Full PDB file with SEQRES, HELIX, SHEET, SSBOND, CRYST1, ORIGX, SCALE, CONECT and MASTER records, all heavy atoms in Angstrom:
SEQRES   1 A   34  LEU ASP ILE LEU GLY LEU TRP ILE GLY ALA ALA LEU SER          
SEQRES   2 A   34  LEU CYS ILE PHE SER PHE LEU TYR ARG ASP ASN PRO LEU          
SEQRES   3 A   34  TYR ARG LEU ALA GLU HIS VAL PHE                              
HELIX    1 AA1 ASP A    2  PHE A   17  1                                  16    
HELIX    2 AA2 SER A   18  LEU A   20  5                                   3    
HELIX    3 AA3 PRO A   25  VAL A   33  1                                   9    
CRYST1    1.000    1.000    1.000  90.00  90.00  90.00 P 1           1          
ORIGX1      1.000000  0.000000  0.000000        0.00000                         
ORIGX2      0.000000  1.000000  0.000000        0.00000                         
ORIGX3      0.000000  0.000000  1.000000        0.00000                         
SCALE1      1.000000  0.000000  0.000000        0.00000                         
SCALE2      0.000000  1.000000  0.000000        0.00000                         
SCALE3      0.000000  0.000000  1.000000        0.00000                         
ATOM      1  N   LEU A   1    -156.144  45.243 237.291  1.00  0.00           N  
ATOM      2  CA  LEU A   1    -156.100  43.790 237.500  1.00  0.00           C  
ATOM      3  C   LEU A   1    -154.658  43.300 237.599  1.00  0.00           C  
ATOM      4  O   LEU A   1    -154.350  42.413 238.404  1.00  0.00           O  
ATOM      5  CB  LEU A   1    -156.831  43.083 236.363  1.00  0.00           C  
ATOM      6  CG  LEU A   1    -158.352  43.218 236.350  1.00  0.00           C  
ATOM      7  CD1 LEU A   1    -158.943  42.505 235.149  1.00  0.00           C  
ATOM      8  CD2 LEU A   1    -158.961  42.672 237.647  1.00  0.00           C  
ATOM      9  N   ASP A   2    -153.775  43.874 236.792  1.00  0.00           N  
ATOM     10  CA  ASP A   2    -152.363  43.490 236.882  1.00  0.00           C  
ATOM     11  C   ASP A   2    -151.774  43.876 238.231  1.00  0.00           C  
ATOM     12  O   ASP A   2    -151.012  43.116 238.840  1.00  0.00           O  
ATOM     13  CB  ASP A   2    -151.566  44.149 235.751  1.00  0.00           C  
ATOM     14  CG  ASP A   2    -151.958  43.615 234.389  1.00  0.00           C  
ATOM     15  OD1 ASP A   2    -152.426  42.469 234.324  1.00  0.00           O  
ATOM     16  OD2 ASP A   2    -151.804  44.357 233.395  1.00  0.00           O  
ATOM     17  N   ILE A   3    -152.116  45.069 238.702  1.00  0.00           N  
ATOM     18  CA  ILE A   3    -151.614  45.505 240.004  1.00  0.00           C  
ATOM     19  C   ILE A   3    -152.156  44.608 241.112  1.00  0.00           C  
ATOM     20  O   ILE A   3    -151.420  44.217 242.028  1.00  0.00           O  
ATOM     21  CB  ILE A   3    -152.006  46.977 240.249  1.00  0.00           C  
ATOM     22  CG1 ILE A   3    -151.309  47.882 239.228  1.00  0.00           C  
ATOM     23  CG2 ILE A   3    -151.653  47.401 241.668  1.00  0.00           C  
ATOM     24  CD1 ILE A   3    -151.739  49.334 239.314  1.00  0.00           C  
ATOM     25  N   LEU A   4    -153.445  44.266 241.023  1.00  0.00           N  
ATOM     26  CA  LEU A   4    -154.027  43.364 242.022  1.00  0.00           C  
ATOM     27  C   LEU A   4    -153.340  42.006 242.005  1.00  0.00           C  
ATOM     28  O   LEU A   4    -153.057  41.420 243.055  1.00  0.00           O  
ATOM     29  CB  LEU A   4    -155.526  43.208 241.756  1.00  0.00           C  
ATOM     30  CG  LEU A   4    -156.293  42.271 242.695  1.00  0.00           C  
ATOM     31  CD1 LEU A   4    -156.220  42.780 244.134  1.00  0.00           C  
ATOM     32  CD2 LEU A   4    -157.734  42.121 242.242  1.00  0.00           C  
ATOM     33  N   GLY A   5    -153.042  41.507 240.792  1.00  0.00           N  
ATOM     34  CA  GLY A   5    -152.339  40.230 240.694  1.00  0.00           C  
ATOM     35  C   GLY A   5    -150.956  40.276 241.302  1.00  0.00           C  
ATOM     36  O   GLY A   5    -150.517  39.324 241.959  1.00  0.00           O  
ATOM     37  N   LEU A   6    -150.247  41.387 241.106  1.00  0.00           N  
ATOM     38  CA  LEU A   6    -148.910  41.535 241.699  1.00  0.00           C  
ATOM     39  C   LEU A   6    -148.975  41.531 243.223  1.00  0.00           C  
ATOM     40  O   LEU A   6    -148.145  40.894 243.885  1.00  0.00           O  
ATOM     41  CB  LEU A   6    -148.260  42.819 241.198  1.00  0.00           C  
ATOM     42  CG  LEU A   6    -147.858  42.855 239.718  1.00  0.00           C  
ATOM     43  CD1 LEU A   6    -147.311  44.232 239.359  1.00  0.00           C  
ATOM     44  CD2 LEU A   6    -146.820  41.788 239.414  1.00  0.00           C  
ATOM     45  N   TRP A   7    -149.952  42.217 243.779  1.00  0.00           N  
ATOM     46  CA  TRP A   7    -150.067  42.261 245.234  1.00  0.00           C  
ATOM     47  C   TRP A   7    -150.487  40.911 245.805  1.00  0.00           C  
ATOM     48  O   TRP A   7    -150.027  40.507 246.873  1.00  0.00           O  
ATOM     49  CB  TRP A   7    -151.055  43.349 245.639  1.00  0.00           C  
ATOM     50  CG  TRP A   7    -150.427  44.707 245.634  1.00  0.00           C  
ATOM     51  CD1 TRP A   7    -150.255  45.534 244.556  1.00  0.00           C  
ATOM     52  CD2 TRP A   7    -149.850  45.373 246.749  1.00  0.00           C  
ATOM     53  NE1 TRP A   7    -149.608  46.675 244.920  1.00  0.00           N  
ATOM     54  CE2 TRP A   7    -149.354  46.630 246.262  1.00  0.00           C  
ATOM     55  CE3 TRP A   7    -149.708  45.074 248.094  1.00  0.00           C  
ATOM     56  CZ2 TRP A   7    -148.725  47.541 247.103  1.00  0.00           C  
ATOM     57  CZ3 TRP A   7    -149.090  45.999 248.932  1.00  0.00           C  
ATOM     58  CH2 TRP A   7    -148.603  47.206 248.432  1.00  0.00           C  
ATOM     59  N   ILE A   8    -151.358  40.211 245.090  1.00  0.00           N  
ATOM     60  CA  ILE A   8    -151.723  38.862 245.549  1.00  0.00           C  
ATOM     61  C   ILE A   8    -150.512  37.944 245.500  1.00  0.00           C  
ATOM     62  O   ILE A   8    -150.264  37.159 246.423  1.00  0.00           O  
ATOM     63  CB  ILE A   8    -152.875  38.306 244.684  1.00  0.00           C  
ATOM     64  CG1 ILE A   8    -154.154  39.107 244.941  1.00  0.00           C  
ATOM     65  CG2 ILE A   8    -153.111  36.830 244.993  1.00  0.00           C  
ATOM     66  CD1 ILE A   8    -155.316  38.689 244.060  1.00  0.00           C  
ATOM     67  N   GLY A   9    -149.720  38.034 244.415  1.00  0.00           N  
ATOM     68  CA  GLY A   9    -148.512  37.222 244.320  1.00  0.00           C  
ATOM     69  C   GLY A   9    -147.524  37.528 245.418  1.00  0.00           C  
ATOM     70  O   GLY A   9    -146.903  36.626 245.996  1.00  0.00           O  
ATOM     71  N   ALA A  10    -147.351  38.821 245.725  1.00  0.00           N  
ATOM     72  CA  ALA A  10    -146.438  39.201 246.802  1.00  0.00           C  
ATOM     73  C   ALA A  10    -146.929  38.698 248.151  1.00  0.00           C  
ATOM     74  O   ALA A  10    -146.147  38.191 248.970  1.00  0.00           O  
ATOM     75  CB  ALA A  10    -146.282  40.721 246.829  1.00  0.00           C  
ATOM     76  N   ALA A  11    -148.243  38.819 248.397  1.00  0.00           N  
ATOM     77  CA  ALA A  11    -148.792  38.354 249.672  1.00  0.00           C  
ATOM     78  C   ALA A  11    -148.647  36.847 249.829  1.00  0.00           C  
ATOM     79  O   ALA A  11    -148.258  36.344 250.898  1.00  0.00           O  
ATOM     80  CB  ALA A  11    -150.266  38.761 249.775  1.00  0.00           C  
ATOM     81  N   LEU A  12    -148.926  36.099 248.759  1.00  0.00           N  
ATOM     82  CA  LEU A  12    -148.792  34.645 248.837  1.00  0.00           C  
ATOM     83  C   LEU A  12    -147.333  34.225 249.004  1.00  0.00           C  
ATOM     84  O   LEU A  12    -147.031  33.252 249.697  1.00  0.00           O  
ATOM     85  CB  LEU A  12    -149.395  33.997 247.586  1.00  0.00           C  
ATOM     86  CG  LEU A  12    -150.916  34.110 247.450  1.00  0.00           C  
ATOM     87  CD1 LEU A  12    -151.376  33.512 246.127  1.00  0.00           C  
ATOM     88  CD2 LEU A  12    -151.625  33.410 248.612  1.00  0.00           C  
ATOM     89  N   SER A  13    -146.422  34.960 248.364  1.00  0.00           N  
ATOM     90  CA  SER A  13    -144.998  34.655 248.530  1.00  0.00           C  
ATOM     91  C   SER A  13    -144.567  34.855 249.980  1.00  0.00           C  
ATOM     92  O   SER A  13    -143.834  34.042 250.550  1.00  0.00           O  
ATOM     93  CB  SER A  13    -144.159  35.526 247.601  1.00  0.00           C  
ATOM     94  OG  SER A  13    -144.471  35.269 246.247  1.00  0.00           O  
ATOM     95  N   LEU A  14    -145.022  35.947 250.602  1.00  0.00           N  
ATOM     96  CA  LEU A  14    -144.694  36.190 252.009  1.00  0.00           C  
ATOM     97  C   LEU A  14    -145.318  35.128 252.909  1.00  0.00           C  
ATOM     98  O   LEU A  14    -144.716  34.727 253.914  1.00  0.00           O  
ATOM     99  CB  LEU A  14    -145.164  37.587 252.419  1.00  0.00           C  
ATOM    100  CG  LEU A  14    -144.429  38.754 251.759  1.00  0.00           C  
ATOM    101  CD1 LEU A  14    -145.050  40.077 252.184  1.00  0.00           C  
ATOM    102  CD2 LEU A  14    -142.939  38.723 252.110  1.00  0.00           C  
ATOM    103  N   CYS A  15    -146.504  34.665 252.542  1.00  0.00           N  
ATOM    104  CA  CYS A  15    -147.129  33.579 253.322  1.00  0.00           C  
ATOM    105  C   CYS A  15    -146.299  32.306 253.250  1.00  0.00           C  
ATOM    106  O   CYS A  15    -146.144  31.595 254.243  1.00  0.00           O  
ATOM    107  CB  CYS A  15    -148.544  33.333 252.815  1.00  0.00           C  
ATOM    108  SG  CYS A  15    -149.718  34.659 253.164  1.00  0.00           S  
ATOM    109  N   ILE A  16    -145.756  32.013 252.073  1.00  0.00           N  
ATOM    110  CA  ILE A  16    -144.904  30.835 251.938  1.00  0.00           C  
ATOM    111  C   ILE A  16    -143.618  30.998 252.742  1.00  0.00           C  
ATOM    112  O   ILE A  16    -143.167  30.085 253.444  1.00  0.00           O  
ATOM    113  CB  ILE A  16    -144.591  30.568 250.452  1.00  0.00           C  
ATOM    114  CG1 ILE A  16    -145.856  30.175 249.695  1.00  0.00           C  
ATOM    115  CG2 ILE A  16    -143.534  29.484 250.307  1.00  0.00           C  
ATOM    116  CD1 ILE A  16    -146.477  28.875 250.142  1.00  0.00           C  
ATOM    117  N   PHE A  17    -143.010  32.190 252.675  1.00  0.00           N  
ATOM    118  CA  PHE A  17    -141.776  32.438 253.425  1.00  0.00           C  
ATOM    119  C   PHE A  17    -141.999  32.416 254.929  1.00  0.00           C  
ATOM    120  O   PHE A  17    -141.042  32.232 255.692  1.00  0.00           O  
ATOM    121  CB  PHE A  17    -141.167  33.782 253.006  1.00  0.00           C  
ATOM    122  CG  PHE A  17    -140.547  33.763 251.645  1.00  0.00           C  
ATOM    123  CD1 PHE A  17    -140.625  34.877 250.817  1.00  0.00           C  
ATOM    124  CD2 PHE A  17    -139.887  32.637 251.182  1.00  0.00           C  
ATOM    125  CE1 PHE A  17    -140.056  34.859 249.558  1.00  0.00           C  
ATOM    126  CE2 PHE A  17    -139.312  32.613 249.922  1.00  0.00           C  
ATOM    127  CZ  PHE A  17    -139.395  33.725 249.114  1.00  0.00           C  
ATOM    128  N   SER A  18    -143.242  32.601 255.372  1.00  0.00           N  
ATOM    129  CA  SER A  18    -143.506  32.577 256.811  1.00  0.00           C  
ATOM    130  C   SER A  18    -143.261  31.205 257.421  1.00  0.00           C  
ATOM    131  O   SER A  18    -143.125  31.082 258.639  1.00  0.00           O  
ATOM    132  CB  SER A  18    -144.956  33.005 257.078  1.00  0.00           C  
ATOM    133  OG  SER A  18    -145.875  32.053 256.554  1.00  0.00           O  
ATOM    134  N   PHE A  19    -143.181  30.165 256.577  1.00  0.00           N  
ATOM    135  CA  PHE A  19    -142.877  28.826 257.085  1.00  0.00           C  
ATOM    136  C   PHE A  19    -141.465  28.755 257.660  1.00  0.00           C  
ATOM    137  O   PHE A  19    -141.160  27.848 258.447  1.00  0.00           O  
ATOM    138  CB  PHE A  19    -143.047  27.803 255.967  1.00  0.00           C  
ATOM    139  CG  PHE A  19    -142.875  26.375 256.414  1.00  0.00           C  
ATOM    140  CD1 PHE A  19    -143.882  25.731 257.095  1.00  0.00           C  
ATOM    141  CD2 PHE A  19    -141.696  25.682 256.152  1.00  0.00           C  
ATOM    142  CE1 PHE A  19    -143.741  24.419 257.505  1.00  0.00           C  
ATOM    143  CE2 PHE A  19    -141.539  24.383 256.562  1.00  0.00           C  
ATOM    144  CZ  PHE A  19    -142.566  23.743 257.239  1.00  0.00           C  
ATOM    145  N   LEU A  20    -140.593  29.693 257.267  1.00  0.00           N  
ATOM    146  CA  LEU A  20    -139.246  29.725 257.828  1.00  0.00           C  
ATOM    147  C   LEU A  20    -139.283  29.976 259.333  1.00  0.00           C  
ATOM    148  O   LEU A  20    -138.354  29.572 260.058  1.00  0.00           O  
ATOM    149  CB  LEU A  20    -138.419  30.810 257.132  1.00  0.00           C  
ATOM    150  CG  LEU A  20    -138.164  30.597 255.638  1.00  0.00           C  
ATOM    151  CD1 LEU A  20    -137.458  31.810 255.050  1.00  0.00           C  
ATOM    152  CD2 LEU A  20    -137.337  29.339 255.405  1.00  0.00           C  
ATOM    153  N   TYR A  21    -140.333  30.650 259.802  1.00  0.00           N  
ATOM    154  CA  TYR A  21    -140.496  30.857 261.243  1.00  0.00           C  
ATOM    155  C   TYR A  21    -141.098  29.626 261.890  1.00  0.00           C  
ATOM    156  O   TYR A  21    -140.516  29.018 262.774  1.00  0.00           O  
ATOM    157  CB  TYR A  21    -141.353  32.091 261.487  1.00  0.00           C  
ATOM    158  CG  TYR A  21    -141.740  32.301 262.923  1.00  0.00           C  
ATOM    159  CD1 TYR A  21    -140.776  32.547 263.893  1.00  0.00           C  
ATOM    160  CD2 TYR A  21    -143.081  32.248 263.307  1.00  0.00           C  
ATOM    161  CE1 TYR A  21    -141.135  32.719 265.212  1.00  0.00           C  
ATOM    162  CE2 TYR A  21    -143.447  32.434 264.614  1.00  0.00           C  
ATOM    163  CZ  TYR A  21    -142.469  32.662 265.582  1.00  0.00           C  
ATOM    164  OH  TYR A  21    -142.833  32.830 266.883  1.00  0.00           O  
ATOM    165  N   ARG A  22    -142.263  29.220 261.429  1.00  0.00           N  
ATOM    166  CA  ARG A  22    -142.904  27.988 261.867  1.00  0.00           C  
ATOM    167  C   ARG A  22    -144.158  27.775 261.022  1.00  0.00           C  
ATOM    168  O   ARG A  22    -144.595  28.671 260.292  1.00  0.00           O  
ATOM    169  CB  ARG A  22    -143.259  28.037 263.349  1.00  0.00           C  
ATOM    170  CG  ARG A  22    -144.322  29.068 263.706  1.00  0.00           C  
ATOM    171  CD  ARG A  22    -144.641  29.025 265.182  1.00  0.00           C  
ATOM    172  NE  ARG A  22    -145.676  29.996 265.514  1.00  0.00           N  
ATOM    173  CZ  ARG A  22    -146.134  30.164 266.751  1.00  0.00           C  
ATOM    174  NH1 ARG A  22    -145.623  29.442 267.748  1.00  0.00           N  
ATOM    175  NH2 ARG A  22    -147.080  31.053 266.987  1.00  0.00           N  
ATOM    176  N   ASP A  23    -144.730  26.611 261.146  1.00  0.00           N  
ATOM    177  CA  ASP A  23    -145.971  26.318 260.429  1.00  0.00           C  
ATOM    178  C   ASP A  23    -147.086  27.197 260.987  1.00  0.00           C  
ATOM    179  O   ASP A  23    -147.237  27.340 262.193  1.00  0.00           O  
ATOM    180  CB  ASP A  23    -146.324  24.838 260.588  1.00  0.00           C  
ATOM    181  CG  ASP A  23    -147.419  24.411 259.644  1.00  0.00           C  
ATOM    182  OD1 ASP A  23    -147.798  25.223 258.775  1.00  0.00           O  
ATOM    183  OD2 ASP A  23    -147.918  23.268 259.767  1.00  0.00           O  
ATOM    184  N   ASN A  24    -147.872  27.772 260.079  1.00  0.00           N  
ATOM    185  CA  ASN A  24    -148.905  28.706 260.511  1.00  0.00           C  
ATOM    186  C   ASN A  24    -150.052  28.678 259.510  1.00  0.00           C  
ATOM    187  O   ASN A  24    -149.913  28.161 258.386  1.00  0.00           O  
ATOM    188  CB  ASN A  24    -148.317  30.112 260.644  1.00  0.00           C  
ATOM    189  CG  ASN A  24    -147.717  30.604 259.349  1.00  0.00           C  
ATOM    190  OD1 ASN A  24    -148.416  31.101 258.474  1.00  0.00           O  
ATOM    191  ND2 ASN A  24    -146.387  30.430 259.206  1.00  0.00           N  
ATOM    192  N   PRO A  25    -151.208  29.244 259.879  1.00  0.00           N  
ATOM    193  CA  PRO A  25    -152.369  29.229 258.965  1.00  0.00           C  
ATOM    194  C   PRO A  25    -152.127  29.955 257.649  1.00  0.00           C  
ATOM    195  O   PRO A  25    -152.676  29.557 256.615  1.00  0.00           O  
ATOM    196  CB  PRO A  25    -153.466  29.912 259.787  1.00  0.00           C  
ATOM    197  CG  PRO A  25    -153.069  29.716 261.211  1.00  0.00           C  
ATOM    198  CD  PRO A  25    -151.568  29.763 261.210  1.00  0.00           C  
ATOM    199  N   LEU A  26    -151.323  31.028 257.657  1.00  0.00           N  
ATOM    200  CA  LEU A  26    -151.057  31.744 256.411  1.00  0.00           C  
ATOM    201  C   LEU A  26    -150.310  30.873 255.409  1.00  0.00           C  
ATOM    202  O   LEU A  26    -150.609  30.884 254.207  1.00  0.00           O  
ATOM    203  CB  LEU A  26    -150.261  33.020 256.708  1.00  0.00           C  
ATOM    204  CG  LEU A  26    -150.997  34.102 257.497  1.00  0.00           C  
ATOM    205  CD1 LEU A  26    -150.071  35.271 257.766  1.00  0.00           C  
ATOM    206  CD2 LEU A  26    -152.248  34.559 256.757  1.00  0.00           C  
ATOM    207  N   TYR A  27    -149.340  30.108 255.916  1.00  0.00           N  
ATOM    208  CA  TYR A  27    -148.609  29.198 255.029  1.00  0.00           C  
ATOM    209  C   TYR A  27    -149.537  28.126 254.470  1.00  0.00           C  
ATOM    210  O   TYR A  27    -149.490  27.811 253.277  1.00  0.00           O  
ATOM    211  CB  TYR A  27    -147.449  28.558 255.785  1.00  0.00           C  
ATOM    212  CG  TYR A  27    -146.823  27.405 255.044  1.00  0.00           C  
ATOM    213  CD1 TYR A  27    -145.965  27.625 253.971  1.00  0.00           C  
ATOM    214  CD2 TYR A  27    -147.118  26.082 255.394  1.00  0.00           C  
ATOM    215  CE1 TYR A  27    -145.412  26.577 253.272  1.00  0.00           C  
ATOM    216  CE2 TYR A  27    -146.558  25.023 254.709  1.00  0.00           C  
ATOM    217  CZ  TYR A  27    -145.714  25.276 253.646  1.00  0.00           C  
ATOM    218  OH  TYR A  27    -145.171  24.226 252.968  1.00  0.00           O  
ATOM    219  N   ARG A  28    -150.386  27.568 255.322  1.00  0.00           N  
ATOM    220  CA  ARG A  28    -151.297  26.526 254.847  1.00  0.00           C  
ATOM    221  C   ARG A  28    -152.301  27.083 253.839  1.00  0.00           C  
ATOM    222  O   ARG A  28    -152.679  26.395 252.884  1.00  0.00           O  
ATOM    223  CB  ARG A  28    -152.017  25.891 256.039  1.00  0.00           C  
ATOM    224  CG  ARG A  28    -151.105  25.023 256.897  1.00  0.00           C  
ATOM    225  CD  ARG A  28    -151.908  24.161 257.845  1.00  0.00           C  
ATOM    226  NE  ARG A  28    -152.573  24.974 258.861  1.00  0.00           N  
ATOM    227  CZ  ARG A  28    -152.030  25.295 260.026  1.00  0.00           C  
ATOM    228  NH1 ARG A  28    -150.810  24.854 260.320  1.00  0.00           N  
ATOM    229  NH2 ARG A  28    -152.691  26.016 260.899  1.00  0.00           N  
ATOM    230  N   LEU A  29    -152.725  28.342 254.039  1.00  0.00           N  
ATOM    231  CA  LEU A  29    -153.621  28.967 253.070  1.00  0.00           C  
ATOM    232  C   LEU A  29    -152.938  29.094 251.710  1.00  0.00           C  
ATOM    233  O   LEU A  29    -153.520  28.734 250.672  1.00  0.00           O  
ATOM    234  CB  LEU A  29    -154.044  30.343 253.584  1.00  0.00           C  
ATOM    235  CG  LEU A  29    -154.840  31.207 252.589  1.00  0.00           C  
ATOM    236  CD1 LEU A  29    -156.173  30.546 252.271  1.00  0.00           C  
ATOM    237  CD2 LEU A  29    -155.053  32.612 253.156  1.00  0.00           C  
ATOM    238  N   ALA A  30    -151.715  29.617 251.700  1.00  0.00           N  
ATOM    239  CA  ALA A  30    -150.992  29.750 250.434  1.00  0.00           C  
ATOM    240  C   ALA A  30    -150.727  28.392 249.793  1.00  0.00           C  
ATOM    241  O   ALA A  30    -150.797  28.251 248.562  1.00  0.00           O  
ATOM    242  CB  ALA A  30    -149.677  30.494 250.673  1.00  0.00           C  
ATOM    243  N   GLU A  31    -150.433  27.392 250.612  1.00  0.00           N  
ATOM    244  CA  GLU A  31    -150.179  26.049 250.085  1.00  0.00           C  
ATOM    245  C   GLU A  31    -151.425  25.491 249.417  1.00  0.00           C  
ATOM    246  O   GLU A  31    -151.355  24.932 248.313  1.00  0.00           O  
ATOM    247  CB  GLU A  31    -149.725  25.149 251.228  1.00  0.00           C  
ATOM    248  CG  GLU A  31    -149.336  23.746 250.794  1.00  0.00           C  
ATOM    249  CD  GLU A  31    -148.920  22.885 251.962  1.00  0.00           C  
ATOM    250  OE1 GLU A  31    -149.418  23.125 253.086  1.00  0.00           O  
ATOM    251  OE2 GLU A  31    -148.109  21.973 251.770  1.00  0.00           O  
ATOM    252  N   HIS A  32    -152.578  25.647 250.062  1.00  0.00           N  
ATOM    253  CA  HIS A  32    -153.824  25.137 249.485  1.00  0.00           C  
ATOM    254  C   HIS A  32    -154.204  25.901 248.221  1.00  0.00           C  
ATOM    255  O   HIS A  32    -154.703  25.304 247.260  1.00  0.00           O  
ATOM    256  CB  HIS A  32    -154.948  25.223 250.519  1.00  0.00           C  
ATOM    257  CG  HIS A  32    -154.885  24.176 251.586  1.00  0.00           C  
ATOM    258  ND1 HIS A  32    -153.956  24.218 252.604  1.00  0.00           N  
ATOM    259  CD2 HIS A  32    -155.610  23.046 251.790  1.00  0.00           C  
ATOM    260  CE1 HIS A  32    -154.125  23.167 253.401  1.00  0.00           C  
ATOM    261  NE2 HIS A  32    -155.116  22.448 252.923  1.00  0.00           N  
ATOM    262  N   VAL A  33    -153.964  27.203 248.217  1.00  0.00           N  
ATOM    263  CA  VAL A  33    -154.250  27.989 247.015  1.00  0.00           C  
ATOM    264  C   VAL A  33    -153.369  27.528 245.861  1.00  0.00           C  
ATOM    265  O   VAL A  33    -153.834  27.365 244.718  1.00  0.00           O  
ATOM    266  CB  VAL A  33    -154.044  29.488 247.297  1.00  0.00           C  
ATOM    267  CG1 VAL A  33    -154.083  30.286 245.997  1.00  0.00           C  
ATOM    268  CG2 VAL A  33    -155.104  30.003 248.252  1.00  0.00           C  
ATOM    269  N   PHE A  34    -152.096  27.296 246.143  1.00  0.00           N  
ATOM    270  CA  PHE A  34    -151.171  26.843 245.096  1.00  0.00           C  
ATOM    271  C   PHE A  34    -151.591  25.483 244.538  1.00  0.00           C  
ATOM    272  O   PHE A  34    -151.624  25.289 243.315  1.00  0.00           O  
ATOM    273  CB  PHE A  34    -149.759  26.762 245.666  1.00  0.00           C  
ATOM    274  CG  PHE A  34    -148.752  26.208 244.701  1.00  0.00           C  
ATOM    275  CD1 PHE A  34    -148.251  26.992 243.680  1.00  0.00           C  
ATOM    276  CD2 PHE A  34    -148.320  24.895 244.811  1.00  0.00           C  
ATOM    277  CE1 PHE A  34    -147.340  26.478 242.778  1.00  0.00           C  
ATOM    278  CE2 PHE A  34    -147.407  24.372 243.919  1.00  0.00           C  
ATOM    279  CZ  PHE A  34    -146.917  25.164 242.893  1.00  0.00           C  
TER     280      PHE A  34                                                      
MASTER        0    0    0    3    0    0    0    6  279    1    0    3          
END                                                                             
């Protein structure tokens, strides 16, 4: 469960950083989850 949480955190962090390129569905998904 800890490993799964780390990977989810890493994936959501990358989704947030994707906004540096442009607005996209992955960023909006991470934003809504947060």
